[in-house]
């Protein structure tokens, strides 16, 4: 039986890897024994690599030269919108939205109310009102008059 040179190199690499793993295993076992005996000993990591960010001195700073744009674009100033949580508003009472929408639908009568008007008057997002109509509105007895307009049956 003859062993090919390629197979021999693979076996050589695998035995070297096995020996290094056995060495690491012995280090770990000795650390466990010393920890159980009460001796505080610094444990090396099995991989030998440190985790976490590199120290500032070891980081490479690469300066990237930005190409100048051909046309300067106007930048629009955007105002941040204040959310309810940021404004300090508390959550409403359970079922309060239902009561408010039903009251608005009763006062509107047969012509109905648009979602935009409801959301503006109640201070609720239009998407939340749409979701309310598609879920709770079905069980309460609300019908769709036209796109975005609802009334009581």
N, C-alpha and C. Protein backbone atom coordinates (compact mmCIF):
# COMPACT_ATOMS: atom_id res chain seq x y z
N UNK A 1 0.85 -1.17 0.00
CA UNK A 1 0.00 0.00 0.00
C UNK A 1 0.91 1.24 0.00
N UNK A 2 0.66 2.13 -0.95
CA UNK A 2 1.49 3.32 -1.05
C UNK A 2 0.67 4.55 -0.68
N UNK A 3 1.30 5.49 0.02
CA UNK A 3 0.64 6.73 0.42
C UNK A 3 1.11 7.83 -0.52
N UNK A 4 0.15 8.53 -1.08
CA UNK A 4 0.47 9.63 -1.97
C UNK A 4 1.05 10.80 -1.19
N UNK A 5 1.86 11.61 -1.86
CA UNK A 5 2.51 12.73 -1.18
C UNK A 5 1.47 13.76 -0.70
N UNK A 6 0.40 13.91 -1.47
CA UNK A 6 -0.66 14.86 -1.08
C UNK A 6 -1.33 14.39 0.21
N UNK A 7 -1.61 13.12 0.29
CA UNK A 7 -2.23 12.56 1.50
C UNK A 7 -1.29 12.67 2.69
N UNK A 8 -0.01 12.48 2.43
CA UNK A 8 0.97 12.58 3.51
C UNK A 8 1.04 14.00 4.06
N UNK A 9 0.97 15.00 3.18
CA UNK A 9 0.97 16.40 3.63
C UNK A 9 -0.29 16.69 4.45
N UNK A 10 -1.43 16.19 3.99
CA UNK A 10 -2.68 16.40 4.75
C UNK A 10 -2.58 15.78 6.14
N UNK A 11 -2.04 14.55 6.21
CA UNK A 11 -1.89 13.89 7.51
C UNK A 11 -0.94 14.66 8.41
N UNK A 12 0.11 15.19 7.83
CA UNK A 12 1.08 15.96 8.60
C UNK A 12 0.43 17.22 9.18
N UNK A 13 -0.38 17.90 8.37
CA UNK A 13 -1.08 19.10 8.84
C UNK A 13 -2.09 18.78 9.92
N UNK A 14 -2.80 17.67 9.74
CA UNK A 14 -3.81 17.28 10.73
C UNK A 14 -3.18 16.90 12.07
N UNK A 15 -2.03 16.20 12.03
CA UNK A 15 -1.37 15.84 13.29
C UNK A 15 -0.83 17.07 14.01
N UNK A 16 -0.35 18.04 13.26
CA UNK A 16 0.13 19.28 13.88
C UNK A 16 -1.04 20.03 14.53
N UNK A 17 -2.18 20.04 13.87
CA UNK A 17 -3.37 20.70 14.42
C UNK A 17 -3.83 19.98 15.68
N UNK A 18 -3.79 18.63 15.66
CA UNK A 18 -4.20 17.84 16.82
C UNK A 18 -3.29 18.14 18.01
N UNK A 19 -1.98 18.23 17.75
CA UNK A 19 -1.03 18.50 18.83
C UNK A 19 -1.28 19.87 19.46
N UNK A 20 -1.58 20.88 18.61
CA UNK A 20 -1.84 22.21 19.17
C UNK A 20 -3.14 22.22 19.98
N UNK A 21 -4.14 21.49 19.53
CA UNK A 21 -5.40 21.41 20.28
C UNK A 21 -5.21 20.69 21.61
N UNK A 22 -4.40 19.65 21.60
CA UNK A 22 -4.12 18.93 22.85
C UNK A 22 -3.42 19.86 23.84
N UNK A 23 -2.50 20.68 23.34
CA UNK A 23 -1.81 21.65 24.21
C UNK A 23 -2.78 22.64 24.82
N UNK A 24 -3.69 23.15 24.01
CA UNK A 24 -4.70 24.09 24.52
C UNK A 24 -5.60 23.41 25.53
N UNK A 25 -5.97 22.16 25.27
CA UNK A 25 -6.82 21.42 26.19
C UNK A 25 -6.14 21.23 27.54
N UNK A 26 -4.83 20.97 27.53
CA UNK A 26 -4.08 20.82 28.79
C UNK A 26 -4.05 22.13 29.57
N UNK A 27 -3.92 23.26 28.86
CA UNK A 27 -3.94 24.57 29.52
C UNK A 27 -5.29 24.81 30.19
N UNK A 28 -6.36 24.47 29.48
CA UNK A 28 -7.71 24.68 30.01
C UNK A 28 -7.94 23.80 31.23
N UNK A 29 -7.51 22.53 31.14
CA UNK A 29 -7.68 21.62 32.27
C UNK A 29 -6.91 22.10 33.50
N UNK A 30 -5.70 22.61 33.28
CA UNK A 30 -4.93 23.10 34.43
C UNK A 30 -5.58 24.35 35.03
N UNK A 31 -6.18 25.18 34.19
CA UNK A 31 -6.89 26.36 34.70
C UNK A 31 -8.10 25.95 35.52
N UNK A 32 -8.80 24.91 35.07
CA UNK A 32 -9.97 24.41 35.83
C UNK A 32 -9.53 23.87 37.17
N UNK A 33 -8.45 23.09 37.19
CA UNK A 33 -7.94 22.52 38.44
C UNK A 33 -7.52 23.62 39.40
N UNK A 34 -6.84 24.63 38.88
CA UNK A 34 -6.39 25.71 39.77
C UNK A 34 -7.57 26.53 40.28
N UNK A 35 -8.61 26.68 39.45
CA UNK A 35 -9.80 27.42 39.89
C UNK A 35 -10.53 26.65 40.98
N UNK A 36 -10.59 25.34 40.85
CA UNK A 36 -11.27 24.52 41.85
C UNK A 36 -10.47 24.45 43.15
N UNK A 37 -9.16 24.55 43.04
CA UNK A 37 -8.33 24.49 44.25
C UNK A 37 -8.30 25.82 44.98
N UNK A 38 -8.79 26.88 44.35
CA UNK A 38 -8.86 28.18 45.00
C UNK A 38 -7.75 29.11 44.60
N UNK A 39 -6.83 28.68 43.79
CA UNK A 39 -5.74 29.54 43.35
C UNK A 39 -6.24 30.38 42.18
N UNK A 40 -6.08 31.68 42.29
CA UNK A 40 -6.49 32.57 41.21
C UNK A 40 -5.36 32.64 40.20
N UNK A 41 -5.65 32.22 39.01
CA UNK A 41 -4.65 32.20 37.96
C UNK A 41 -5.28 32.80 36.72
N UNK A 42 -4.53 33.57 35.99
CA UNK A 42 -5.07 34.18 34.78
C UNK A 42 -5.21 33.10 33.72
N UNK A 43 -6.40 32.99 33.16
CA UNK A 43 -6.69 31.96 32.18
C UNK A 43 -6.52 32.54 30.78
N UNK A 44 -5.73 31.85 29.98
CA UNK A 44 -5.57 32.27 28.59
C UNK A 44 -6.76 31.76 27.79
N UNK A 45 -7.14 32.52 26.81
CA UNK A 45 -8.24 32.09 25.95
C UNK A 45 -7.74 31.02 25.01
N UNK A 46 -8.61 30.08 24.66
CA UNK A 46 -8.23 28.96 23.82
C UNK A 46 -7.76 29.41 22.44
N UNK A 47 -8.40 30.44 21.90
CA UNK A 47 -8.03 30.88 20.56
C UNK A 47 -6.79 31.76 20.57
N UNK A 48 -6.49 32.35 21.71
CA UNK A 48 -5.33 33.22 21.79
C UNK A 48 -5.62 34.64 21.34
N UNK A 49 -6.82 34.90 20.83
CA UNK A 49 -7.17 36.23 20.35
C UNK A 49 -7.93 36.98 21.44
N UNK A 50 -7.66 38.27 21.53
CA UNK A 50 -8.40 39.09 22.49
C UNK A 50 -9.67 39.59 21.83
N UNK A 51 -10.71 39.67 22.62
CA UNK A 51 -11.98 40.17 22.12
C UNK A 51 -12.09 41.65 22.39
N UNK A 52 -12.98 42.30 21.66
CA UNK A 52 -13.23 43.72 21.90
C UNK A 52 -12.44 44.59 20.94
N UNK A 53 -12.60 45.90 21.07
CA UNK A 53 -11.93 46.82 20.15
C UNK A 53 -10.43 46.87 20.42
N UNK A 54 -9.71 47.21 19.37
CA UNK A 54 -8.26 47.33 19.49
C UNK A 54 -7.93 48.62 20.23
N UNK A 55 -6.77 48.69 20.86
CA UNK A 55 -6.35 49.95 21.49
C UNK A 55 -6.18 51.03 20.43
N UNK A 56 -6.31 52.27 20.84
CA UNK A 56 -6.25 53.38 19.89
C UNK A 56 -4.94 53.41 19.12
N UNK A 57 -3.84 53.05 19.76
CA UNK A 57 -2.55 53.10 19.10
C UNK A 57 -2.46 52.07 17.98
N UNK A 58 -3.18 50.97 18.09
CA UNK A 58 -3.09 49.90 17.10
C UNK A 58 -4.02 50.13 15.92
N UNK A 59 -4.98 51.01 16.07
CA UNK A 59 -5.91 51.27 14.97
C UNK A 59 -5.23 52.04 13.86
N UNK A 60 -5.55 51.68 12.67
CA UNK A 60 -5.01 52.40 11.52
C UNK A 60 -5.99 53.47 11.11
N UNK A 61 -5.50 54.65 10.94
CA UNK A 61 -6.35 55.75 10.50
C UNK A 61 -6.10 55.93 9.02
N UNK A 62 -7.15 55.73 8.25
CA UNK A 62 -7.03 55.85 6.81
C UNK A 62 -7.81 57.08 6.38
N UNK A 63 -7.11 58.00 5.78
CA UNK A 63 -7.77 59.21 5.30
C UNK A 63 -8.28 58.95 3.89
N UNK A 64 -9.55 59.17 3.71
CA UNK A 64 -10.16 58.97 2.40
C UNK A 64 -10.42 60.33 1.80
N UNK A 65 -9.89 60.51 0.62
CA UNK A 65 -10.06 61.79 -0.05
C UNK A 65 -11.37 61.75 -0.82
N UNK A 66 -12.28 62.64 -0.49
CA UNK A 66 -13.58 62.68 -1.14
C UNK A 66 -13.50 63.52 -2.40
N UNK A 67 -14.12 63.00 -3.44
CA UNK A 67 -14.15 63.75 -4.69
C UNK A 67 -15.18 64.87 -4.56
N UNK A 68 -14.84 66.03 -5.10
CA UNK A 68 -15.75 67.17 -5.02
C UNK A 68 -16.93 66.92 -5.96
N UNK A 69 -18.16 67.16 -5.48
CA UNK A 69 -19.33 66.94 -6.34
C UNK A 69 -19.36 67.97 -7.47
N UNK A 70 -19.88 67.54 -8.61
CA UNK A 70 -19.94 68.43 -9.77
C UNK A 70 -20.96 69.53 -9.57
N UNK A 71 -22.12 69.15 -9.01
CA UNK A 71 -23.17 70.13 -8.75
C UNK A 71 -23.48 70.11 -7.26
N UNK A 72 -23.58 71.27 -6.68
CA UNK A 72 -23.92 71.35 -5.26
C UNK A 72 -25.44 71.26 -5.13
N UNK A 73 -25.89 70.34 -4.33
CA UNK A 73 -27.33 70.16 -4.13
C UNK A 73 -27.76 70.96 -2.91
N UNK A 74 -28.95 71.52 -3.02
CA UNK A 74 -29.50 72.27 -1.90
C UNK A 74 -29.94 71.30 -0.81
N UNK A 75 -29.60 71.61 0.41
CA UNK A 75 -29.96 70.77 1.54
C UNK A 75 -31.18 71.37 2.22
N UNK A 76 -32.21 70.56 2.37
CA UNK A 76 -33.44 71.01 2.99
C UNK A 76 -33.33 70.87 4.50
N UNK A 77 -33.74 71.89 5.21
CA UNK A 77 -33.73 71.83 6.68
C UNK A 77 -34.96 71.04 7.12
N UNK A 78 -34.74 70.03 7.93
CA UNK A 78 -35.82 69.18 8.39
C UNK A 78 -36.02 69.39 9.88
N UNK A 79 -37.26 69.72 10.24
CA UNK A 79 -37.58 69.90 11.65
C UNK A 79 -37.93 68.54 12.24
N UNK A 80 -37.39 68.20 13.39
CA UNK A 80 -37.77 66.94 14.01
C UNK A 80 -39.19 67.06 14.56
N UNK A 81 -39.99 66.03 14.31
CA UNK A 81 -41.37 66.03 14.80
C UNK A 81 -41.39 65.57 16.24
N UNK A 82 -42.16 66.25 17.04
CA UNK A 82 -42.29 65.88 18.44
C UNK A 82 -43.28 64.73 18.54
N UNK A 83 -42.87 63.65 19.18
CA UNK A 83 -43.75 62.52 19.38
C UNK A 83 -44.51 62.71 20.68
N UNK A 84 -45.52 61.89 20.85
CA UNK A 84 -46.31 62.00 22.08
C UNK A 84 -45.46 61.70 23.30
N UNK A 85 -44.58 60.70 23.19
CA UNK A 85 -43.74 60.34 24.32
C UNK A 85 -42.76 61.47 24.65
N UNK A 86 -42.25 62.13 23.62
CA UNK A 86 -41.31 63.22 23.84
C UNK A 86 -42.02 64.44 24.42
N UNK A 87 -43.28 64.64 24.05
CA UNK A 87 -44.03 65.78 24.53
C UNK A 87 -44.51 65.57 25.97
N UNK A 88 -44.39 64.34 26.46
CA UNK A 88 -44.80 64.05 27.83
C UNK A 88 -46.25 63.65 27.94
N UNK A 89 -46.89 63.34 26.81
CA UNK A 89 -48.30 62.95 26.84
C UNK A 89 -48.41 61.52 27.37
N UNK A 90 -49.47 61.26 28.12
CA UNK A 90 -49.70 59.93 28.65
C UNK A 90 -50.56 59.14 27.68
N UNK A 91 -50.53 57.84 27.80
CA UNK A 91 -51.37 56.97 26.97
C UNK A 91 -52.81 57.17 27.36
N UNK A 92 -53.68 57.02 26.37
CA UNK A 92 -55.10 57.17 26.63
C UNK A 92 -55.69 55.98 27.34
N UNK A 93 -56.91 56.16 27.81
CA UNK A 93 -57.62 55.10 28.49
C UNK A 93 -58.01 54.02 27.50
N UNK A 94 -58.06 52.78 27.94
CA UNK A 94 -58.41 51.66 27.08
C UNK A 94 -59.82 51.86 26.53
N UNK A 95 -59.97 51.83 25.20
CA UNK A 95 -61.26 52.01 24.56
C UNK A 95 -61.62 53.45 24.28
N UNK A 96 -60.73 54.38 24.62
CA UNK A 96 -61.02 55.80 24.43
C UNK A 96 -61.11 56.14 22.95
N UNK A 97 -60.27 55.56 22.12
CA UNK A 97 -60.31 55.83 20.68
C UNK A 97 -61.62 55.36 20.09
N UNK A 98 -62.11 54.23 20.54
CA UNK A 98 -63.38 53.70 20.06
C UNK A 98 -64.51 54.67 20.38
N UNK A 99 -64.53 55.16 21.59
CA UNK A 99 -65.59 56.09 21.99
C UNK A 99 -65.53 57.38 21.17
N UNK A 100 -64.33 57.89 20.96
CA UNK A 100 -64.17 59.13 20.21
C UNK A 100 -64.59 58.96 18.75
N UNK A 101 -64.19 57.86 18.13
CA UNK A 101 -64.54 57.64 16.72
C UNK A 101 -66.04 57.42 16.57
N UNK A 102 -66.64 56.64 17.47
CA UNK A 102 -68.08 56.41 17.38
C UNK A 102 -68.87 57.70 17.59
N UNK A 103 -68.41 58.56 18.50
CA UNK A 103 -69.08 59.84 18.72
C UNK A 103 -69.00 60.71 17.46
N UNK A 104 -67.84 60.71 16.80
CA UNK A 104 -67.67 61.49 15.58
C UNK A 104 -68.53 60.94 14.46
N UNK A 105 -68.66 59.61 14.37
CA UNK A 105 -69.48 58.99 13.32
C UNK A 105 -70.96 59.28 13.56
N UNK A 106 -71.41 59.28 14.83
CA UNK A 106 -72.81 59.58 15.13
C UNK A 106 -73.15 61.02 14.77
N UNK A 107 -72.23 61.93 15.07
CA UNK A 107 -72.50 63.34 14.77
C UNK A 107 -72.46 63.61 13.27
N UNK A 108 -71.69 62.81 12.51
CA UNK A 108 -71.59 63.02 11.06
C UNK A 108 -72.84 62.55 10.34
N UNK A 109 -73.51 61.52 10.87
CA UNK A 109 -74.73 61.03 10.24
C UNK A 109 -74.47 60.14 9.05
N UNK A 110 -75.37 60.23 8.05
CA UNK A 110 -75.33 59.34 6.89
C UNK A 110 -74.20 59.67 5.92
N UNK A 111 -73.75 60.92 5.92
CA UNK A 111 -72.69 61.29 4.96
C UNK A 111 -71.34 60.70 5.36
N UNK A 112 -71.11 60.44 6.65
CA UNK A 112 -69.88 59.82 7.12
C UNK A 112 -68.77 60.82 7.38
N UNK A 113 -67.63 60.31 7.79
CA UNK A 113 -66.47 61.13 8.13
C UNK A 113 -65.25 60.54 7.44
N UNK A 114 -64.38 61.43 6.95
CA UNK A 114 -63.15 60.93 6.31
C UNK A 114 -62.12 60.62 7.39
N UNK A 115 -61.20 59.73 7.04
CA UNK A 115 -60.16 59.33 7.97
C UNK A 115 -59.24 60.51 8.27
N UNK A 116 -58.97 61.32 7.28
CA UNK A 116 -58.10 62.49 7.50
C UNK A 116 -58.70 63.44 8.52
N UNK A 117 -59.99 63.72 8.38
CA UNK A 117 -60.65 64.61 9.33
C UNK A 117 -60.64 64.02 10.74
N UNK A 118 -60.95 62.73 10.83
CA UNK A 118 -60.96 62.06 12.13
C UNK A 118 -59.58 62.14 12.78
N UNK A 119 -58.54 61.81 12.02
CA UNK A 119 -57.20 61.79 12.61
C UNK A 119 -56.77 63.20 13.04
N UNK A 120 -57.16 64.20 12.26
CA UNK A 120 -56.80 65.58 12.60
C UNK A 120 -57.53 66.02 13.87
N UNK A 121 -58.82 65.72 13.96
CA UNK A 121 -59.63 66.15 15.11
C UNK A 121 -59.25 65.39 16.39
N UNK A 122 -58.92 64.11 16.25
CA UNK A 122 -58.63 63.30 17.43
C UNK A 122 -57.16 63.34 17.83
N UNK A 123 -56.30 63.83 16.94
CA UNK A 123 -54.87 63.86 17.23
C UNK A 123 -54.24 62.49 17.17
N UNK A 124 -54.72 61.66 16.24
CA UNK A 124 -54.22 60.30 16.08
C UNK A 124 -53.68 60.15 14.66
N UNK A 125 -52.70 59.30 14.45
CA UNK A 125 -52.15 59.06 13.12
C UNK A 125 -53.23 58.48 12.22
N UNK A 126 -53.19 58.87 10.94
CA UNK A 126 -54.19 58.36 9.99
C UNK A 126 -54.09 56.85 9.87
N UNK A 127 -52.89 56.30 9.91
CA UNK A 127 -52.72 54.85 9.80
C UNK A 127 -53.41 54.13 10.96
N UNK A 128 -53.37 54.71 12.15
CA UNK A 128 -54.03 54.10 13.30
C UNK A 128 -55.54 54.09 13.12
N UNK A 129 -56.09 55.15 12.53
CA UNK A 129 -57.54 55.21 12.29
C UNK A 129 -57.92 54.17 11.24
N UNK A 130 -57.12 54.05 10.17
CA UNK A 130 -57.40 53.02 9.15
C UNK A 130 -57.40 51.63 9.76
N UNK A 131 -56.42 51.36 10.61
CA UNK A 131 -56.35 50.05 11.26
C UNK A 131 -57.56 49.85 12.17
N UNK A 132 -57.97 50.88 12.86
CA UNK A 132 -59.13 50.77 13.74
C UNK A 132 -60.36 50.38 12.93
N UNK A 133 -60.57 51.01 11.78
CA UNK A 133 -61.73 50.69 10.94
C UNK A 133 -61.66 49.27 10.40
N UNK A 134 -60.45 48.81 10.04
CA UNK A 134 -60.34 47.47 9.47
C UNK A 134 -60.46 46.38 10.52
N UNK A 135 -60.26 46.69 11.80
CA UNK A 135 -60.37 45.67 12.85
C UNK A 135 -61.61 45.91 13.71
N UNK A 136 -61.57 46.88 14.57
CA UNK A 136 -62.66 47.15 15.50
C UNK A 136 -63.90 47.66 14.78
N UNK A 137 -63.70 48.44 13.75
CA UNK A 137 -64.84 49.00 13.01
C UNK A 137 -65.75 47.94 12.43
N UNK A 138 -65.20 46.80 12.02
CA UNK A 138 -66.02 45.72 11.47
C UNK A 138 -66.98 45.18 12.52
N UNK A 139 -66.50 45.03 13.76
CA UNK A 139 -67.33 44.44 14.81
C UNK A 139 -68.35 45.43 15.36
N UNK A 140 -68.10 46.72 15.25
CA UNK A 140 -68.99 47.74 15.81
C UNK A 140 -70.15 48.04 14.88
N UNK A 141 -69.95 47.83 13.59
CA UNK A 141 -71.00 48.12 12.62
C UNK A 141 -70.74 49.39 11.84
N UNK A 142 -69.55 49.52 11.33
CA UNK A 142 -69.19 50.68 10.53
C UNK A 142 -69.07 50.22 9.09
N UNK A 143 -69.57 51.04 8.16
CA UNK A 143 -69.45 50.68 6.75
C UNK A 143 -68.68 51.76 6.00
N UNK A 144 -68.08 51.34 4.89
CA UNK A 144 -67.27 52.23 4.08
C UNK A 144 -68.17 52.87 3.03
N UNK A 145 -68.20 54.21 3.00
CA UNK A 145 -69.02 54.94 2.03
C UNK A 145 -68.23 55.10 0.73
N UNK A 146 -67.01 55.53 0.84
CA UNK A 146 -66.11 55.70 -0.30
C UNK A 146 -64.69 55.54 0.24
N UNK A 147 -63.68 55.55 -0.62
CA UNK A 147 -62.31 55.37 -0.10
C UNK A 147 -61.96 56.43 0.94
N UNK A 148 -61.67 55.95 2.15
CA UNK A 148 -61.27 56.84 3.23
C UNK A 148 -62.42 57.51 3.95
N UNK A 149 -63.67 57.16 3.64
CA UNK A 149 -64.85 57.76 4.30
C UNK A 149 -65.71 56.64 4.87
N UNK A 150 -66.06 56.76 6.15
CA UNK A 150 -66.83 55.73 6.85
C UNK A 150 -68.03 56.35 7.53
N UNK A 151 -69.06 55.47 7.79
CA UNK A 151 -70.25 55.89 8.54
C UNK A 151 -70.80 54.70 9.31
N UNK A 152 -71.71 55.00 10.24
CA UNK A 152 -72.36 53.92 10.99
C UNK A 152 -73.46 53.30 10.13
N UNK A 153 -73.68 52.00 10.29
CA UNK A 153 -74.73 51.31 9.52
C UNK A 153 -76.09 51.70 10.05
